[in-house]
Amino acid sequence: MSYERWMNYIRNAEKTLFCSGKIRKFHYKFNDDKEMIEEYNIETGILMRRAWKKKQNIMGLHTEFNELNGSFFDWDIELGEIIRPTFDSNFLVKETDIMPILTKRITRHNIEWRIRNLSYPIETYLIKVDNAKRSIVIRTTNKKYFKEIHVPELSRCNLLPQLDAMSIIHQHNTLIITYEKPIMVRQMEQETLQMLNDLGTGEKTKEG
């Protein structure tokens, strides 16, 4: 996908705005039947969460986004903290608290990934890019961890990830990877925010 195609894709979507406190939530319905939710901080204008609706759950049914409680149980989280369901104490299958957990956030100038529950020292981690898959590859020298991270922001601008745009630190059992946004990505975000700020009377708005 190119910059122009992505901008046209979201520009032509049906958008509904939900306002809740200091958060503005935009629900997109696209012509190809896909759906997306974005959450913006009203004060900073920074995107805090982006989620895509899963095609169906294990029962073959859709679960609607609940704009009142922010439930994303049946959504794929592209950006932001993952909201996990609460498990009953008698439930037998539960995600362990010691498994590595990857989260992603953005600032004005950077994309940042945090991988929690990684206790290995910083010299253990090897960071490479896979141009064929347009991804960032993380592995450890002790072969205990491997992760491939795709960067949709770069793909939407038809850009490849660059090693020299990345820096890593390790603290409190968390590996933090920071990627400096290319100018085109920042331009795309600014244009998107301006478009959302200029929503016309044809868009639907709900006060939460």
N, C-alpha and C. Protein backbone atom coordinates (compact mmCIF):
# COMPACT_ATOMS: atom_id res chain seq x y z
N MET A 1 0.85 -1.20 0.00
CA MET A 1 0.00 0.00 0.00
C MET A 1 0.88 1.24 0.00
N SER A 2 0.41 2.29 -0.65
CA SER A 2 1.16 3.54 -0.71
C SER A 2 0.50 4.57 0.21
N TYR A 3 1.22 5.66 0.42
CA TYR A 3 0.72 6.77 1.23
C TYR A 3 -0.65 7.23 0.72
N GLU A 4 -0.74 7.47 -0.59
CA GLU A 4 -1.99 7.99 -1.16
C GLU A 4 -3.13 6.99 -1.01
N ARG A 5 -2.85 5.71 -1.23
CA ARG A 5 -3.90 4.69 -1.12
C ARG A 5 -4.41 4.60 0.31
N TRP A 6 -3.50 4.66 1.29
CA TRP A 6 -3.94 4.57 2.68
C TRP A 6 -4.79 5.78 3.06
N MET A 7 -4.36 6.98 2.66
CA MET A 7 -5.13 8.17 2.99
C MET A 7 -6.51 8.13 2.34
N ASN A 8 -6.60 7.69 1.10
CA ASN A 8 -7.90 7.56 0.44
C ASN A 8 -8.76 6.50 1.12
N TYR A 9 -8.10 5.44 1.60
CA TYR A 9 -8.81 4.34 2.26
C TYR A 9 -9.54 4.84 3.51
N ILE A 10 -8.84 5.60 4.35
CA ILE A 10 -9.49 6.08 5.57
C ILE A 10 -10.38 7.29 5.29
N ARG A 11 -10.04 8.08 4.28
CA ARG A 11 -10.85 9.25 3.94
C ARG A 11 -12.24 8.84 3.46
N ASN A 12 -12.30 7.74 2.73
CA ASN A 12 -13.57 7.29 2.15
C ASN A 12 -14.38 6.39 3.09
N ALA A 13 -13.84 6.10 4.26
CA ALA A 13 -14.55 5.23 5.21
C ALA A 13 -15.70 5.99 5.89
N GLU A 14 -16.72 5.25 6.29
CA GLU A 14 -17.76 5.82 7.14
C GLU A 14 -17.20 5.92 8.55
N LYS A 15 -17.25 7.12 9.13
CA LYS A 15 -16.63 7.33 10.43
C LYS A 15 -17.66 7.80 11.45
N THR A 16 -17.59 7.21 12.64
CA THR A 16 -18.44 7.63 13.75
C THR A 16 -17.54 8.04 14.90
N LEU A 17 -17.82 9.20 15.48
CA LEU A 17 -17.01 9.73 16.57
C LEU A 17 -17.71 9.52 17.91
N PHE A 18 -16.98 8.94 18.87
CA PHE A 18 -17.46 8.79 20.25
C PHE A 18 -16.56 9.65 21.13
N CYS A 19 -17.15 10.52 21.94
CA CYS A 19 -16.39 11.35 22.87
C CYS A 19 -16.57 10.83 24.29
N SER A 20 -15.47 10.58 24.98
CA SER A 20 -15.54 10.05 26.33
C SER A 20 -14.40 10.65 27.15
N GLY A 21 -14.72 11.64 27.97
CA GLY A 21 -13.69 12.29 28.77
C GLY A 21 -12.66 12.97 27.90
N LYS A 22 -11.40 12.62 28.10
CA LYS A 22 -10.30 13.21 27.33
C LYS A 22 -9.92 12.36 26.12
N ILE A 23 -10.80 11.41 25.77
CA ILE A 23 -10.51 10.50 24.67
C ILE A 23 -11.55 10.69 23.57
N ARG A 24 -11.07 10.76 22.33
CA ARG A 24 -11.96 10.72 21.16
C ARG A 24 -11.75 9.39 20.46
N LYS A 25 -12.84 8.68 20.22
CA LYS A 25 -12.78 7.36 19.59
C LYS A 25 -13.45 7.43 18.22
N PHE A 26 -12.74 7.00 17.22
CA PHE A 26 -13.29 7.00 15.86
C PHE A 26 -13.49 5.56 15.41
N HIS A 27 -14.72 5.28 14.97
CA HIS A 27 -15.05 3.95 14.46
C HIS A 27 -15.15 4.06 12.95
N TYR A 28 -14.30 3.32 12.23
CA TYR A 28 -14.28 3.34 10.77
C TYR A 28 -14.96 2.09 10.22
N LYS A 29 -15.80 2.28 9.20
CA LYS A 29 -16.32 1.17 8.41
C LYS A 29 -15.89 1.39 6.97
N PHE A 30 -15.11 0.41 6.45
CA PHE A 30 -14.52 0.56 5.13
C PHE A 30 -15.37 -0.14 4.06
N ASN A 31 -15.09 0.21 2.82
CA ASN A 31 -15.85 -0.36 1.70
C ASN A 31 -15.61 -1.85 1.54
N ASP A 32 -14.49 -2.38 2.06
CA ASP A 32 -14.21 -3.81 1.96
C ASP A 32 -14.70 -4.58 3.18
N ASP A 33 -15.60 -3.96 3.96
CA ASP A 33 -16.24 -4.58 5.14
C ASP A 33 -15.31 -4.69 6.34
N LYS A 34 -14.12 -4.13 6.28
CA LYS A 34 -13.26 -4.11 7.46
C LYS A 34 -13.70 -2.97 8.38
N GLU A 35 -13.35 -3.12 9.67
CA GLU A 35 -13.67 -2.09 10.65
C GLU A 35 -12.44 -1.80 11.51
N MET A 36 -12.30 -0.54 11.91
CA MET A 36 -11.15 -0.13 12.71
C MET A 36 -11.61 0.88 13.76
N ILE A 37 -10.96 0.83 14.92
CA ILE A 37 -11.19 1.80 15.99
C ILE A 37 -9.88 2.52 16.26
N GLU A 38 -9.96 3.84 16.40
CA GLU A 38 -8.81 4.63 16.83
C GLU A 38 -9.21 5.46 18.05
N GLU A 39 -8.27 5.60 19.00
CA GLU A 39 -8.49 6.44 20.17
C GLU A 39 -7.41 7.51 20.22
N TYR A 40 -7.83 8.76 20.31
CA TYR A 40 -6.90 9.88 20.37
C TYR A 40 -7.04 10.62 21.71
N ASN A 41 -5.91 11.07 22.23
CA ASN A 41 -5.93 11.95 23.38
C ASN A 41 -6.32 13.34 22.91
N ILE A 42 -7.40 13.89 23.45
CA ILE A 42 -7.90 15.18 23.00
C ILE A 42 -6.88 16.29 23.22
N GLU A 43 -6.15 16.24 24.35
CA GLU A 43 -5.24 17.33 24.69
C GLU A 43 -3.98 17.32 23.82
N THR A 44 -3.44 16.12 23.52
CA THR A 44 -2.17 16.04 22.78
C THR A 44 -2.36 15.73 21.30
N GLY A 45 -3.52 15.15 20.94
CA GLY A 45 -3.74 14.74 19.56
C GLY A 45 -2.99 13.49 19.17
N ILE A 46 -2.39 12.79 20.14
CA ILE A 46 -1.60 11.59 19.87
C ILE A 46 -2.50 10.36 19.85
N LEU A 47 -2.29 9.50 18.87
CA LEU A 47 -3.04 8.25 18.77
C LEU A 47 -2.60 7.30 19.87
N MET A 48 -3.56 6.82 20.66
CA MET A 48 -3.26 5.96 21.80
C MET A 48 -3.57 4.49 21.51
N ARG A 49 -4.54 4.23 20.62
CA ARG A 49 -4.91 2.85 20.34
C ARG A 49 -5.47 2.75 18.93
N ARG A 50 -5.11 1.66 18.26
CA ARG A 50 -5.73 1.32 16.98
C ARG A 50 -6.02 -0.17 17.01
N ALA A 51 -7.24 -0.55 16.67
CA ALA A 51 -7.64 -1.95 16.70
C ALA A 51 -8.46 -2.27 15.46
N TRP A 52 -8.28 -3.48 14.96
CA TRP A 52 -9.01 -3.97 13.79
C TRP A 52 -9.95 -5.09 14.22
N LYS A 53 -11.16 -5.05 13.70
CA LYS A 53 -12.14 -6.06 14.08
C LYS A 53 -11.78 -7.41 13.48
N LYS A 54 -11.77 -8.43 14.31
CA LYS A 54 -11.55 -9.78 13.82
C LYS A 54 -12.73 -10.21 12.97
N LYS A 55 -12.45 -11.09 12.01
CA LYS A 55 -13.52 -11.54 11.12
C LYS A 55 -14.61 -12.27 11.88
N GLN A 56 -14.21 -13.12 12.81
CA GLN A 56 -15.20 -13.82 13.62
C GLN A 56 -14.47 -14.45 14.80
N ASN A 57 -15.23 -14.75 15.84
CA ASN A 57 -14.64 -15.43 16.98
C ASN A 57 -14.80 -16.94 16.83
N ILE A 58 -14.44 -17.68 17.85
CA ILE A 58 -14.42 -19.14 17.73
C ILE A 58 -15.82 -19.73 17.56
N MET A 59 -16.86 -18.93 17.88
CA MET A 59 -18.23 -19.41 17.71
C MET A 59 -18.80 -18.99 16.35
N GLY A 60 -17.95 -18.30 15.54
CA GLY A 60 -18.41 -17.88 14.23
C GLY A 60 -19.27 -16.63 14.27
N LEU A 61 -19.23 -15.91 15.41
CA LEU A 61 -20.06 -14.71 15.56
C LEU A 61 -19.18 -13.49 15.77
N HIS A 62 -19.69 -12.32 15.38
CA HIS A 62 -19.00 -11.07 15.61
C HIS A 62 -19.34 -10.54 17.00
N THR A 63 -18.38 -9.83 17.60
CA THR A 63 -18.63 -9.14 18.85
C THR A 63 -18.42 -7.66 18.62
N GLU A 64 -19.44 -6.84 18.86
CA GLU A 64 -19.35 -5.42 18.58
C GLU A 64 -18.46 -4.71 19.60
N PHE A 65 -17.80 -3.63 19.14
CA PHE A 65 -17.03 -2.78 20.05
C PHE A 65 -17.98 -2.05 20.97
N ASN A 66 -17.68 -2.03 22.27
CA ASN A 66 -18.51 -1.34 23.23
C ASN A 66 -17.86 0.00 23.54
N GLU A 67 -18.44 1.09 23.01
CA GLU A 67 -17.82 2.40 23.15
C GLU A 67 -17.89 2.93 24.58
N LEU A 68 -18.71 2.32 25.42
CA LEU A 68 -18.86 2.82 26.78
C LEU A 68 -17.78 2.28 27.72
N ASN A 69 -17.44 1.00 27.59
CA ASN A 69 -16.44 0.45 28.50
C ASN A 69 -15.11 0.15 27.82
N GLY A 70 -15.02 0.46 26.52
CA GLY A 70 -13.74 0.30 25.83
C GLY A 70 -13.32 -1.13 25.64
N SER A 71 -14.27 -2.04 25.55
CA SER A 71 -13.93 -3.46 25.41
C SER A 71 -13.42 -3.77 24.00
N PHE A 72 -12.24 -4.45 23.93
CA PHE A 72 -11.66 -4.83 22.65
C PHE A 72 -11.44 -6.34 22.61
N PHE A 73 -12.33 -7.10 23.25
CA PHE A 73 -12.10 -8.54 23.38
C PHE A 73 -12.01 -9.22 22.03
N ASP A 74 -12.79 -8.76 21.05
CA ASP A 74 -12.83 -9.43 19.75
C ASP A 74 -12.15 -8.59 18.66
N TRP A 75 -11.11 -7.84 19.06
CA TRP A 75 -10.41 -6.97 18.14
C TRP A 75 -8.91 -7.27 18.19
N ASP A 76 -8.23 -7.12 17.04
CA ASP A 76 -6.79 -7.25 16.98
C ASP A 76 -6.17 -5.88 17.25
N ILE A 77 -5.35 -5.81 18.29
CA ILE A 77 -4.75 -4.55 18.70
C ILE A 77 -3.48 -4.29 17.89
N GLU A 78 -3.49 -3.24 17.08
CA GLU A 78 -2.29 -2.85 16.33
C GLU A 78 -1.41 -1.93 17.16
N LEU A 79 -2.04 -1.12 17.99
CA LEU A 79 -1.33 -0.10 18.75
C LEU A 79 -2.01 0.10 20.08
N GLY A 80 -1.22 0.20 21.16
CA GLY A 80 -1.77 0.43 22.49
C GLY A 80 -1.75 -0.81 23.35
N GLU A 81 -2.07 -0.64 24.60
CA GLU A 81 -2.09 -1.75 25.55
C GLU A 81 -3.20 -2.73 25.18
N ILE A 82 -2.90 -3.99 25.35
CA ILE A 82 -3.89 -5.04 25.10
C ILE A 82 -4.78 -5.19 26.33
N ILE A 83 -6.09 -5.06 26.12
CA ILE A 83 -7.04 -5.26 27.21
C ILE A 83 -7.42 -6.73 27.25
N ARG A 84 -7.03 -7.39 28.31
CA ARG A 84 -7.25 -8.83 28.40
C ARG A 84 -8.49 -9.12 29.23
N PRO A 85 -9.21 -10.19 28.86
CA PRO A 85 -10.41 -10.54 29.63
C PRO A 85 -10.06 -11.01 31.03
N THR A 86 -10.99 -10.80 31.95
CA THR A 86 -10.81 -11.26 33.32
C THR A 86 -11.19 -12.74 33.40
N PHE A 87 -10.28 -13.54 34.00
CA PHE A 87 -10.52 -14.98 34.08
C PHE A 87 -11.10 -15.35 35.44
N ASP A 88 -12.02 -16.28 35.40
CA ASP A 88 -12.55 -16.84 36.63
C ASP A 88 -11.46 -17.68 37.29
N SER A 89 -11.44 -17.71 38.62
CA SER A 89 -10.40 -18.45 39.34
C SER A 89 -10.45 -19.93 39.05
N ASN A 90 -11.62 -20.42 38.60
CA ASN A 90 -11.74 -21.84 38.29
C ASN A 90 -11.43 -22.16 36.84
N PHE A 91 -11.15 -21.12 36.06
CA PHE A 91 -10.85 -21.34 34.64
C PHE A 91 -9.49 -22.00 34.51
N LEU A 92 -9.40 -23.05 33.70
CA LEU A 92 -8.19 -23.86 33.67
C LEU A 92 -7.10 -23.30 32.76
N VAL A 93 -7.48 -22.63 31.67
CA VAL A 93 -6.49 -22.13 30.73
C VAL A 93 -6.34 -20.64 30.92
N LYS A 94 -5.14 -20.19 31.23
CA LYS A 94 -4.90 -18.78 31.52
C LYS A 94 -3.50 -18.41 31.07
N GLU A 95 -3.36 -17.22 30.50
CA GLU A 95 -2.04 -16.77 30.06
C GLU A 95 -1.16 -16.52 31.27
N THR A 96 0.04 -17.05 31.27
CA THR A 96 0.93 -16.90 32.39
C THR A 96 1.49 -15.49 32.47
N ASP A 97 1.75 -15.02 33.70
CA ASP A 97 2.26 -13.68 33.91
C ASP A 97 3.75 -13.56 33.64
N ILE A 98 4.43 -14.69 33.37
CA ILE A 98 5.88 -14.63 33.14
C ILE A 98 6.23 -14.71 31.66
N MET A 99 5.25 -14.87 30.80
CA MET A 99 5.52 -14.90 29.37
C MET A 99 5.82 -13.48 28.88
N PRO A 100 6.74 -13.34 27.89
CA PRO A 100 7.00 -12.02 27.32
C PRO A 100 5.74 -11.42 26.72
N ILE A 101 5.52 -10.15 26.97
CA ILE A 101 4.34 -9.43 26.48
C ILE A 101 4.80 -8.23 25.69
N LEU A 102 4.36 -8.13 24.44
CA LEU A 102 4.74 -7.04 23.56
C LEU A 102 3.61 -6.01 23.49
N THR A 103 3.95 -4.75 23.74
CA THR A 103 3.01 -3.65 23.56
C THR A 103 3.66 -2.58 22.71
N LYS A 104 2.84 -1.74 22.12
CA LYS A 104 3.34 -0.72 21.20
C LYS A 104 2.63 0.60 21.49
N ARG A 105 3.39 1.67 21.42
CA ARG A 105 2.83 3.00 21.55
C ARG A 105 3.58 3.95 20.64
N ILE A 106 3.00 5.13 20.40
CA ILE A 106 3.69 6.13 19.60
C ILE A 106 3.74 7.45 20.35
N THR A 107 4.77 8.23 20.04
CA THR A 107 4.88 9.60 20.51
C THR A 107 4.89 10.48 19.27
N ARG A 108 5.13 11.76 19.42
CA ARG A 108 5.15 12.64 18.26
C ARG A 108 6.24 12.26 17.27
N HIS A 109 7.36 11.77 17.78
CA HIS A 109 8.51 11.55 16.91
C HIS A 109 8.96 10.09 16.81
N ASN A 110 8.40 9.21 17.65
CA ASN A 110 8.90 7.84 17.70
C ASN A 110 7.77 6.81 17.73
N ILE A 111 8.14 5.60 17.29
CA ILE A 111 7.33 4.40 17.54
C ILE A 111 8.08 3.60 18.59
N GLU A 112 7.39 3.12 19.58
CA GLU A 112 8.07 2.42 20.68
C GLU A 112 7.40 1.09 20.98
N TRP A 113 8.21 0.04 21.07
CA TRP A 113 7.72 -1.28 21.49
C TRP A 113 8.36 -1.62 22.83
N ARG A 114 7.58 -2.19 23.70
CA ARG A 114 8.07 -2.67 25.00
C ARG A 114 7.76 -4.16 25.11
N ILE A 115 8.78 -4.93 25.39
CA ILE A 115 8.60 -6.37 25.60
C ILE A 115 8.91 -6.65 27.06
N ARG A 116 7.86 -6.89 27.83
CA ARG A 116 8.01 -7.13 29.27
C ARG A 116 8.36 -8.59 29.53
N ASN A 117 8.86 -8.84 30.73
CA ASN A 117 9.23 -10.18 31.20
C ASN A 117 10.40 -10.77 30.41
N LEU A 118 11.33 -9.92 30.02
CA LEU A 118 12.59 -10.39 29.42
C LEU A 118 13.73 -9.99 30.36
N SER A 119 14.30 -10.98 31.03
CA SER A 119 15.30 -10.70 32.07
C SER A 119 16.74 -10.73 31.57
N TYR A 120 16.95 -11.11 30.30
CA TYR A 120 18.32 -11.24 29.79
C TYR A 120 18.97 -9.87 29.64
N PRO A 121 20.29 -9.77 29.88
CA PRO A 121 20.99 -8.49 29.73
C PRO A 121 20.96 -8.00 28.28
N ILE A 122 21.19 -6.71 28.09
CA ILE A 122 21.00 -6.10 26.78
C ILE A 122 21.89 -6.68 25.71
N GLU A 123 23.08 -7.16 26.08
CA GLU A 123 23.99 -7.73 25.07
C GLU A 123 23.47 -9.06 24.51
N THR A 124 22.42 -9.60 25.11
CA THR A 124 21.84 -10.86 24.64
C THR A 124 21.01 -10.68 23.37
N TYR A 125 20.52 -9.47 23.12
CA TYR A 125 19.54 -9.26 22.06
C TYR A 125 20.19 -8.86 20.74
N LEU A 126 19.70 -9.51 19.68
CA LEU A 126 20.15 -9.21 18.32
C LEU A 126 18.97 -8.64 17.54
N ILE A 127 19.16 -7.46 16.96
CA ILE A 127 18.09 -6.79 16.21
C ILE A 127 18.50 -6.71 14.75
N LYS A 128 17.63 -7.20 13.88
CA LYS A 128 17.87 -7.13 12.44
C LYS A 128 16.58 -6.70 11.74
N VAL A 129 16.69 -6.39 10.46
CA VAL A 129 15.50 -6.10 9.65
C VAL A 129 15.40 -7.13 8.54
N ASP A 130 14.18 -7.49 8.22
CA ASP A 130 13.90 -8.41 7.12
C ASP A 130 13.16 -7.61 6.05
N ASN A 131 13.89 -7.19 5.02
CA ASN A 131 13.29 -6.35 3.99
C ASN A 131 12.21 -7.08 3.20
N ALA A 132 12.39 -8.39 3.02
CA ALA A 132 11.40 -9.15 2.26
C ALA A 132 10.04 -9.14 2.96
N LYS A 133 10.06 -9.21 4.29
CA LYS A 133 8.82 -9.21 5.07
C LYS A 133 8.50 -7.84 5.65
N ARG A 134 9.36 -6.85 5.39
CA ARG A 134 9.18 -5.49 5.92
C ARG A 134 9.00 -5.52 7.43
N SER A 135 9.87 -6.26 8.11
CA SER A 135 9.70 -6.45 9.55
C SER A 135 11.01 -6.25 10.30
N ILE A 136 10.87 -6.09 11.61
CA ILE A 136 12.01 -6.03 12.53
C ILE A 136 12.08 -7.38 13.24
N VAL A 137 13.25 -7.97 13.28
CA VAL A 137 13.42 -9.30 13.88
C VAL A 137 14.27 -9.18 15.14
N ILE A 138 13.74 -9.73 16.23
CA ILE A 138 14.44 -9.73 17.51
C ILE A 138 14.69 -11.17 17.93
N ARG A 139 15.92 -11.47 18.25
CA ARG A 139 16.24 -12.80 18.78
C ARG A 139 17.32 -12.66 19.84
N THR A 140 17.48 -13.70 20.64
CA THR A 140 18.50 -13.69 21.68
C THR A 140 19.60 -14.67 21.35
N THR A 141 20.79 -14.36 21.80
CA THR A 141 21.94 -15.24 21.54
C THR A 141 21.79 -16.59 22.23
N ASN A 142 21.00 -16.64 23.31
CA ASN A 142 20.78 -17.92 24.01
C ASN A 142 19.61 -18.71 23.42
N LYS A 143 19.02 -18.18 22.31
CA LYS A 143 17.94 -18.84 21.59
C LYS A 143 16.69 -19.07 22.46
N LYS A 144 16.49 -18.18 23.43
CA LYS A 144 15.33 -18.31 24.32
C LYS A 144 14.15 -17.45 23.87
N TYR A 145 14.42 -16.52 22.95
CA TYR A 145 13.33 -15.63 22.53
C TYR A 145 13.50 -15.24 21.07
N PHE A 146 12.38 -15.19 20.35
CA PHE A 146 12.35 -14.74 18.96
C PHE A 146 11.05 -14.01 18.71
N LYS A 147 11.14 -12.87 18.04
CA LYS A 147 9.94 -12.12 17.72
C LYS A 147 10.13 -11.35 16.42
N GLU A 148 9.11 -11.42 15.57
CA GLU A 148 9.11 -10.66 14.33
C GLU A 148 8.04 -9.57 14.45
N ILE A 149 8.45 -8.33 14.30
CA ILE A 149 7.56 -7.19 14.47
C ILE A 149 7.32 -6.53 13.12
N HIS A 150 6.07 -6.45 12.74
CA HIS A 150 5.71 -5.73 11.52
C HIS A 150 5.37 -4.28 11.87
N VAL A 151 5.68 -3.38 10.97
CA VAL A 151 5.49 -1.95 11.22
C VAL A 151 4.52 -1.41 10.17
N PRO A 152 3.22 -1.46 10.44
CA PRO A 152 2.24 -1.03 9.44
C PRO A 152 2.43 0.41 8.98
N GLU A 153 2.88 1.29 9.91
CA GLU A 153 3.08 2.69 9.55
C GLU A 153 4.07 2.84 8.39
N LEU A 154 5.11 2.01 8.40
CA LEU A 154 6.10 2.07 7.31
C LEU A 154 5.53 1.47 6.03
N SER A 155 4.83 0.35 6.16
CA SER A 155 4.26 -0.31 4.98
C SER A 155 3.26 0.60 4.28
N ARG A 156 2.48 1.37 5.05
CA ARG A 156 1.49 2.26 4.46
C ARG A 156 2.14 3.41 3.68
N CYS A 157 3.39 3.67 3.99
CA CYS A 157 4.15 4.69 3.24
C CYS A 157 5.12 4.06 2.26
N ASN A 158 5.00 2.73 2.10
CA ASN A 158 5.89 1.98 1.20
C ASN A 158 7.36 2.17 1.57
N LEU A 159 7.64 2.14 2.87
CA LEU A 159 9.00 2.29 3.37
C LEU A 159 9.46 1.00 4.03
N LEU A 160 10.76 0.75 3.99
CA LEU A 160 11.35 -0.40 4.66
C LEU A 160 11.92 0.03 6.01
N PRO A 161 11.87 -0.85 7.03
CA PRO A 161 12.49 -0.51 8.31
C PRO A 161 14.00 -0.35 8.17
N GLN A 162 14.56 0.59 8.91
CA GLN A 162 15.99 0.90 8.85
C GLN A 162 16.62 0.68 10.22
N LEU A 163 17.74 -0.03 10.24
CA LEU A 163 18.42 -0.29 11.51
C LEU A 163 18.89 0.99 12.18
N ASP A 164 19.39 1.93 11.37
CA ASP A 164 19.94 3.14 11.97
C ASP A 164 18.88 4.07 12.55
N ALA A 165 17.60 3.73 12.37
CA ALA A 165 16.53 4.53 12.97
C ALA A 165 16.13 3.99 14.33
N MET A 166 16.76 2.87 14.76
CA MET A 166 16.36 2.19 15.99
C MET A 166 17.40 2.35 17.10
N SER A 167 16.90 2.34 18.31
CA SER A 167 17.75 2.26 19.50
C SER A 167 17.06 1.34 20.50
N ILE A 168 17.85 0.66 21.34
CA ILE A 168 17.26 -0.24 22.33
C ILE A 168 17.88 0.00 23.70
N ILE A 169 17.07 -0.17 24.72
CA ILE A 169 17.54 -0.18 26.10
C ILE A 169 16.85 -1.32 26.82
N HIS A 170 17.42 -1.74 27.95
CA HIS A 170 16.82 -2.80 28.75
C HIS A 170 16.82 -2.35 30.20
N GLN A 171 15.62 -2.32 30.80
CA GLN A 171 15.50 -1.94 32.19
C GLN A 171 14.25 -2.56 32.79
N HIS A 172 14.34 -2.93 34.07
CA HIS A 172 13.20 -3.51 34.80
C HIS A 172 12.60 -4.70 34.04
N ASN A 173 13.46 -5.58 33.54
CA ASN A 173 13.03 -6.78 32.81
C ASN A 173 12.21 -6.45 31.57
N THR A 174 12.44 -5.29 31.00
CA THR A 174 11.70 -4.85 29.81
C THR A 174 12.68 -4.38 28.74
N LEU A 175 12.52 -4.94 27.53
CA LEU A 175 13.31 -4.47 26.39
C LEU A 175 12.50 -3.39 25.68
N ILE A 176 13.11 -2.23 25.50
CA ILE A 176 12.42 -1.09 24.88
C ILE A 176 13.11 -0.77 23.56
N ILE A 177 12.35 -0.87 22.48
CA ILE A 177 12.87 -0.58 21.13
C ILE A 177 12.22 0.72 20.66
N THR A 178 13.02 1.70 20.33
CA THR A 178 12.52 3.00 19.87
C THR A 178 12.91 3.21 18.42
N TYR A 179 11.92 3.55 17.61
CA TYR A 179 12.15 3.76 16.17
C TYR A 179 11.75 5.19 15.82
N GLU A 180 12.69 5.96 15.28
CA GLU A 180 12.41 7.33 14.90
C GLU A 180 11.55 7.35 13.64
N LYS A 181 10.42 8.05 13.72
CA LYS A 181 9.50 8.09 12.59
C LYS A 181 10.12 8.83 11.40
N PRO A 182 10.01 8.26 10.21
CA PRO A 182 10.39 9.01 9.01
C PRO A 182 9.46 10.20 8.81
N ILE A 183 9.94 11.18 8.08
CA ILE A 183 9.14 12.39 7.83
C ILE A 183 7.80 12.04 7.20
N MET A 184 7.78 11.07 6.28
CA MET A 184 6.53 10.73 5.60
C MET A 184 5.50 10.16 6.56
N VAL A 185 5.93 9.40 7.55
CA VAL A 185 5.00 8.84 8.54
C VAL A 185 4.41 9.95 9.38
N ARG A 186 5.24 10.88 9.81
CA ARG A 186 4.74 12.00 10.61
C ARG A 186 3.77 12.86 9.80
N GLN A 187 4.07 13.03 8.52
CA GLN A 187 3.18 13.78 7.65
C GLN A 187 1.83 13.08 7.51
N MET A 188 1.87 11.75 7.37
CA MET A 188 0.65 10.97 7.26
C MET A 188 -0.20 11.11 8.52
N GLU A 189 0.42 11.07 9.69
CA GLU A 189 -0.30 11.20 10.94
C GLU A 189 -0.91 12.59 11.09
N GLN A 190 -0.16 13.61 10.70
CA GLN A 190 -0.67 14.98 10.80
C GLN A 190 -1.85 15.19 9.85
N GLU A 191 -1.75 14.64 8.64
CA GLU A 191 -2.83 14.78 7.68
C GLU A 191 -4.08 14.04 8.16
N THR A 192 -3.88 12.86 8.76
CA THR A 192 -5.01 12.10 9.30
C THR A 192 -5.68 12.85 10.44
N LEU A 193 -4.88 13.39 11.35
CA LEU A 193 -5.43 14.12 12.49
C LEU A 193 -6.20 15.35 12.01
N GLN A 194 -5.67 16.04 11.02
CA GLN A 194 -6.37 17.21 10.48
C GLN A 194 -7.69 16.82 9.86
N MET A 195 -7.70 15.69 9.14
CA MET A 195 -8.93 15.20 8.54
C MET A 195 -9.97 14.88 9.61
N LEU A 196 -9.55 14.25 10.70
CA LEU A 196 -10.48 13.90 11.77
C LEU A 196 -10.97 15.14 12.51
N ASN A 197 -10.07 16.13 12.66
CA ASN A 197 -10.48 17.37 13.33
C ASN A 197 -11.49 18.15 12.50
N ASP A 198 -11.47 17.91 11.21
CA ASP A 198 -12.36 18.64 10.30
C ASP A 198 -13.58 17.83 9.90
N LEU A 199 -13.94 16.84 10.72
CA LEU A 199 -15.10 16.02 10.39
C LEU A 199 -16.32 16.90 10.14
N GLY A 200 -16.98 16.64 9.01
CA GLY A 200 -18.12 17.48 8.65
C GLY A 200 -19.40 17.02 9.29
N THR A 201 -20.46 17.70 8.95
CA THR A 201 -21.78 17.38 9.52
C THR A 201 -22.31 16.05 9.01
N GLY A 202 -21.69 15.52 7.95
CA GLY A 202 -22.13 14.24 7.42
C GLY A 202 -21.69 13.07 8.26
N GLU A 203 -20.74 13.29 9.22
CA GLU A 203 -20.27 12.20 10.07
C GLU A 203 -21.15 12.07 11.30
N LYS A 204 -21.22 10.89 11.84
CA LYS A 204 -22.04 10.65 13.02
C LYS A 204 -21.22 10.86 14.28
N THR A 205 -21.78 11.53 15.27
CA THR A 205 -21.09 11.81 16.52
C THR A 205 -21.96 11.38 17.69
N LYS A 206 -21.32 10.74 18.68
CA LYS A 206 -22.04 10.31 19.88
C LYS A 206 -21.25 10.77 21.10
N GLU A 207 -21.95 11.28 22.09
CA GLU A 207 -21.31 11.66 23.33
C GLU A 207 -21.37 10.49 24.29
N GLY A 208 -20.18 10.03 24.75
CA GLY A 208 -20.14 8.90 25.66
C GLY A 208 -20.11 9.34 27.09
